[in-house]
C-alpha atoms as a PDB file:
ATOM      1  CA  MET A   1      42.581  34.969  33.951  1.00  0.00           C
ATOM      2  CA  LEU A   2      45.331  32.396  33.370  1.00  0.00           C
ATOM      3  CA  THR A   3      43.117  29.532  34.503  1.00  0.00           C
ATOM      4  CA  VAL A   4      40.248  30.539  32.214  1.00  0.00           C
ATOM      5  CA  VAL A   5      42.547  31.082  29.242  1.00  0.00           C
ATOM      6  CA  ALA A   6      44.345  27.772  29.806  1.00  0.00           C
ATOM      7  CA  PHE A   7      41.009  25.923  29.922  1.00  0.00           C
ATOM      8  CA  GLU A   8      39.392  27.716  26.974  1.00  0.00           C
ATOM      9  CA  ALA A   9      42.526  27.645  24.784  1.00  0.00           C
ATOM     10  CA  ASN A  10      41.990  23.936  24.177  1.00  0.00           C
ATOM     11  CA  ARG A  11      38.789  24.621  22.298  1.00  0.00           C
ATOM     12  CA  TYR A  12      38.941  24.545  18.514  1.00  0.00           C
ATOM     13  CA  SER A  13      37.650  28.065  18.025  1.00  0.00           C
ATOM     14  CA  ALA A  14      37.668  30.679  20.737  1.00  0.00           C
ATOM     15  CA  SER A  15      38.144  34.436  20.713  1.00  0.00           C
ATOM     16  CA  PHE A  16      40.067  35.947  23.594  1.00  0.00           C
ATOM     17  CA  ILE A  17      39.716  39.639  24.378  1.00  0.00           C
ATOM     18  CA  ILE A  18      42.004  40.828  27.142  1.00  0.00           C
ATOM     19  CA  GLU A  19      42.002  44.414  28.317  1.00  0.00           C
ATOM     20  CA  GLU A  20      45.314  45.834  29.468  1.00  0.00           C
ATOM     21  CA  PRO A  21      47.059  42.637  30.595  1.00  0.00           C
ATOM     22  CA  GLU A  22      50.074  44.727  31.582  1.00  0.00           C
ATOM     23  CA  LEU A  23      48.407  46.297  34.611  1.00  0.00           C
ATOM     24  CA  ASN A  24      50.551  46.018  37.738  1.00  0.00           C
ATOM     25  CA  LEU A  25      53.225  43.957  35.975  1.00  0.00           C
ATOM     26  CA  TYR A  26      56.917  44.701  35.577  1.00  0.00           C
ATOM     27  CA  PRO A  27      58.092  44.915  31.936  1.00  0.00           C
ATOM     28  CA  THR A  28      59.694  41.438  32.050  1.00  0.00           C
ATOM     29  CA  ALA A  29      56.459  39.971  33.426  1.00  0.00           C
ATOM     30  CA  GLN A  30      54.524  41.745  30.654  1.00  0.00           C
ATOM     31  CA  GLN A  31      56.760  40.091  28.071  1.00  0.00           C
ATOM     32  CA  GLY A  32      56.391  36.653  29.648  1.00  0.00           C
ATOM     33  CA  LEU A  33      52.625  37.021  29.856  1.00  0.00           C
ATOM     34  CA  LEU A  34      52.447  38.144  26.227  1.00  0.00           C
ATOM     35  CA  ASN A  35      54.499  35.117  25.118  1.00  0.00           C
ATOM     36  CA  TRP A  36      52.133  32.843  27.053  1.00  0.00           C
ATOM     37  CA  LEU A  37      48.980  34.527  25.721  1.00  0.00           C
ATOM     38  CA  VAL A  38      50.164  34.332  22.120  1.00  0.00           C
ATOM     39  CA  GLU A  39      51.100  30.676  22.563  1.00  0.00           C
ATOM     40  CA  LYS A  40      47.814  29.687  24.213  1.00  0.00           C
ATOM     41  CA  CYS A  41      45.332  31.981  22.484  1.00  0.00           C
ATOM     42  CA  THR A  42      46.380  31.707  18.843  1.00  0.00           C
ATOM     43  CA  LYS A  43      46.367  27.926  18.397  1.00  0.00           C
ATOM     44  CA  GLY A  44      44.202  26.545  15.608  1.00  0.00           C
ATOM     45  CA  GLU A  45      41.315  28.862  14.846  1.00  0.00           C
ATOM     46  CA  ASN A  46      41.621  30.772  18.137  1.00  0.00           C
ATOM     47  CA  ASP A  47      42.287  34.483  18.035  1.00  0.00           C
ATOM     48  CA  LEU A  48      43.529  37.054  20.511  1.00  0.00           C
ATOM     49  CA  THR A  49      42.638  40.725  20.897  1.00  0.00           C
ATOM     50  CA  ILE A  50      44.516  42.863  23.409  1.00  0.00           C
ATOM     51  CA  THR A  51      43.991  46.487  24.384  1.00  0.00           C
ATOM     52  CA  THR A  52      47.053  48.156  25.868  1.00  0.00           C
ATOM     53  CA  HIS A  53      48.743  51.392  26.806  1.00  0.00           C
ATOM     54  CA  SER A  54      52.073  49.660  27.332  1.00  0.00           C
ATOM     55  CA  PRO A  55      54.994  50.530  25.070  1.00  0.00           C
ATOM     56  CA  TYR A  56      56.632  47.328  26.402  1.00  0.00           C
ATOM     57  CA  ILE A  57      53.787  45.217  25.001  1.00  0.00           C
ATOM     58  CA  LEU A  58      54.024  46.960  21.625  1.00  0.00           C
ATOM     59  CA  SER A  59      57.784  46.580  21.546  1.00  0.00           C
ATOM     60  CA  HIS A  60      57.551  42.906  22.465  1.00  0.00           C
ATOM     61  CA  LEU A  61      54.931  42.325  19.768  1.00  0.00           C
ATOM     62  CA  ASN A  62      57.482  43.643  17.270  1.00  0.00           C
ATOM     63  CA  LEU A  63      60.015  41.149  18.601  1.00  0.00           C
ATOM     64  CA  LEU A  64      57.542  38.277  18.108  1.00  0.00           C
ATOM     65  CA  LEU A  65      56.712  39.484  14.595  1.00  0.00           C
ATOM     66  CA  TYR A  66      60.358  39.866  13.642  1.00  0.00           C
ATOM     67  CA  ALA A  67      61.344  36.469  15.032  1.00  0.00           C
ATOM     68  CA  TYR A  68      58.782  34.881  12.716  1.00  0.00           C
ATOM     69  CA  GLN A  69      60.112  36.845   9.749  1.00  0.00           C
ATOM     70  CA  VAL A  70      63.774  35.996  10.392  1.00  0.00           C
ATOM     71  CA  ALA A  71      62.955  32.292  10.744  1.00  0.00           C
ATOM     72  CA  GLU A  72      60.940  32.371   7.517  1.00  0.00           C
ATOM     73  CA  GLN A  73      63.620  34.221   5.588  1.00  0.00           C
ATOM     74  CA  TYR A  74      66.490  32.090   6.948  1.00  0.00           C
ATOM     75  CA  PRO A  75      65.135  28.583   7.652  1.00  0.00           C
ATOM     76  CA  ASP A  76      68.626  27.323   8.463  1.00  0.00           C
ATOM     77  CA  ARG A  77      68.697  29.749  11.428  1.00  0.00           C
ATOM     78  CA  ARG A  78      65.311  28.715  12.833  1.00  0.00           C
ATOM     79  CA  ALA A  79      66.796  26.972  15.877  1.00  0.00           C
ATOM     80  CA  GLU A  80      68.942  29.999  16.666  1.00  0.00           C
ATOM     81  CA  VAL A  81      65.904  32.287  16.442  1.00  0.00           C
ATOM     82  CA  ALA A  82      63.966  29.895  18.701  1.00  0.00           C
ATOM     83  CA  ALA A  83      66.797  30.030  21.229  1.00  0.00           C
ATOM     84  CA  LEU A  84      66.273  33.799  21.451  1.00  0.00           C
ATOM     85  CA  VAL A  85      62.471  33.922  21.161  1.00  0.00           C
ATOM     86  CA  PRO A  86      60.243  30.912  21.935  1.00  0.00           C
ATOM     87  CA  GLU A  87      58.882  29.601  18.650  1.00  0.00           C
ATOM     88  CA  ALA A  88      55.390  29.072  20.075  1.00  0.00           C
ATOM     89  CA  SER A  89      55.172  32.861  20.544  1.00  0.00           C
ATOM     90  CA  TRP A  90      56.153  33.929  17.033  1.00  0.00           C
ATOM     91  CA  ILE A  91      53.510  35.939  15.201  1.00  0.00           C
ATOM     92  CA  ASN A  92      52.902  35.744  11.471  1.00  0.00           C
ATOM     93  CA  PRO A  93      52.604  39.365  10.283  1.00  0.00           C
ATOM     94  CA  LYS A  94      49.905  38.292   7.812  1.00  0.00           C
ATOM     95  CA  GLU A  95      47.747  37.279  10.779  1.00  0.00           C
ATOM     96  CA  PHE A  96      48.378  40.422  12.828  1.00  0.00           C
ATOM     97  CA  ALA A  97      46.766  43.842  13.121  1.00  0.00           C
ATOM     98  CA  CYS A  98      47.424  46.749  15.453  1.00  0.00           C
ATOM     99  CA  TYR A  99      45.334  49.907  15.667  1.00  0.00           C
ATOM    100  CA  GLN A 100      45.391  53.184  17.523  1.00  0.00           C
ATOM    101  CA  VAL A 101      42.233  55.066  18.436  1.00  0.00           C
ATOM    102  CA  GLU A 102      42.815  58.777  18.066  1.00  0.00           C
ATOM    103  CA  ASN A 103      40.696  61.881  17.467  1.00  0.00           C
ATOM    104  CA  GLY A 104      37.532  59.841  17.048  1.00  0.00           C
ATOM    105  CA  GLY A 105      39.071  57.571  14.433  1.00  0.00           C
ATOM    106  CA  VAL A 106      41.061  54.388  14.116  1.00  0.00           C
ATOM    107  CA  GLN A 107      44.351  54.020  12.263  1.00  0.00           C
ATOM    108  CA  SER A 108      46.560  51.038  11.620  1.00  0.00           C
ATOM    109  CA  LEU A 109      49.980  51.107  13.255  1.00  0.00           C
ATOM    110  CA  VAL A 110      51.379  48.287  11.120  1.00  0.00           C
ATOM    111  CA  ASN A 111      53.950  49.164   8.503  1.00  0.00           C
ATOM    112  CA  GLU A 112      52.857  46.833   5.710  1.00  0.00           C
ATOM    113  CA  GLU A 113      56.299  46.807   4.119  1.00  0.00           C
ATOM    114  CA  LEU A 114      58.067  45.805   7.356  1.00  0.00           C
ATOM    115  CA  GLY A 115      55.254  43.688   8.800  1.00  0.00           C
ATOM    116  CA  MET A 116      55.790  45.335  12.175  1.00  0.00           C
ATOM    117  CA  ILE A 117      54.323  48.066  14.350  1.00  0.00           C
ATOM    118  CA  ASP A 118      55.490  51.461  13.174  1.00  0.00           C
ATOM    119  CA  ASN A 119      56.000  54.591  15.254  1.00  0.00           C
ATOM    120  CA  ASN A 120      53.063  55.345  17.517  1.00  0.00           C
ATOM    121  CA  GLU A 121      51.955  57.796  20.166  1.00  0.00           C
ATOM    122  CA  LEU A 122      53.309  55.670  23.032  1.00  0.00           C
ATOM    123  CA  ASP A 123      56.745  55.577  21.409  1.00  0.00           C
ATOM    124  CA  ALA A 124      56.579  59.320  20.811  1.00  0.00           C
ATOM    125  CA  LEU A 125      55.818  59.974  24.481  1.00  0.00           C
ATOM    126  CA  SER A 126      58.800  57.841  25.525  1.00  0.00           C
ATOM    127  CA  GLY A 127      60.961  59.750  23.062  1.00  0.00           C
ATOM    128  CA  ASP A 128      59.724  63.106  24.388  1.00  0.00           C
ATOM    129  CA  ALA A 129      60.594  62.099  27.956  1.00  0.00           C
ATOM    130  CA  ALA A 130      64.046  60.918  26.850  1.00  0.00           C
ATOM    131  CA  ASP A 131      64.626  64.206  25.003  1.00  0.00           C
ATOM    132  CA  ALA A 132      63.607  66.219  28.070  1.00  0.00           C
ATOM    133  CA  PHE A 133      65.959  64.124  30.223  1.00  0.00           C
ATOM    134  CA  ASP A 134      68.822  64.681  27.784  1.00  0.00           C
ATOM    135  CA  ASN A 135      68.148  68.415  27.865  1.00  0.00           C
ATOM    136  CA  LEU A 136      68.175  68.415  31.674  1.00  0.00           C
ATOM    137  CA  ILE A 137      71.574  66.721  31.605  1.00  0.00           C
ATOM    138  CA  ARG A 138      72.796  69.325  29.121  1.00  0.00           C
ATOM    139  CA  LEU A 139      71.531  72.125  31.360  1.00  0.00           C
ATOM    140  CA  SER A 140      73.195  70.601  34.429  1.00  0.00           C
ATOM    141  CA  LYS A 141      76.524  70.584  32.566  1.00  0.00           C
ATOM    142  CA  GLY A 142      76.089  74.102  31.204  1.00  0.00           C
ATOM    143  CA  ILE A 143      75.629  72.890  27.613  1.00  0.00           C
ATOM    144  CA  ALA A 144      73.071  74.513  25.288  1.00  0.00           C
ATOM    145  CA  VAL A 145      69.696  72.763  25.103  1.00  0.00           C
ATOM    146  CA  LYS A 146      68.812  71.251  21.721  1.00  0.00           C
END
């Protein structure tokens, strides 16, 4: 996949559709791959579409969106933002969309006011697991479950 994307990314106008790039990758590798894909696949008139079930991908997309926003709002801090998040991976919220397919329909997950991905089913599942874990800890210590 990397070889094909690297070759095709040099074209003036290409559309990249990548299904679940996170498969078999550790979270840090998912983040690195996403940075690389955004850098390579969104140059010029190119565009990138990703399908995912990874909360790490969604979370990292928010980081890339927010980095762009901070640099735009505080131009004097651009270099500091770039030191934290590679500038080539920043995503302009005006050029971004994120959808969830649910119950036979499609809904946007982007909070238009924030320009970032809002709460979604994957986040909710992570939260449910964390709540269950917290309750297990409470039970093990003899504390009432919330």
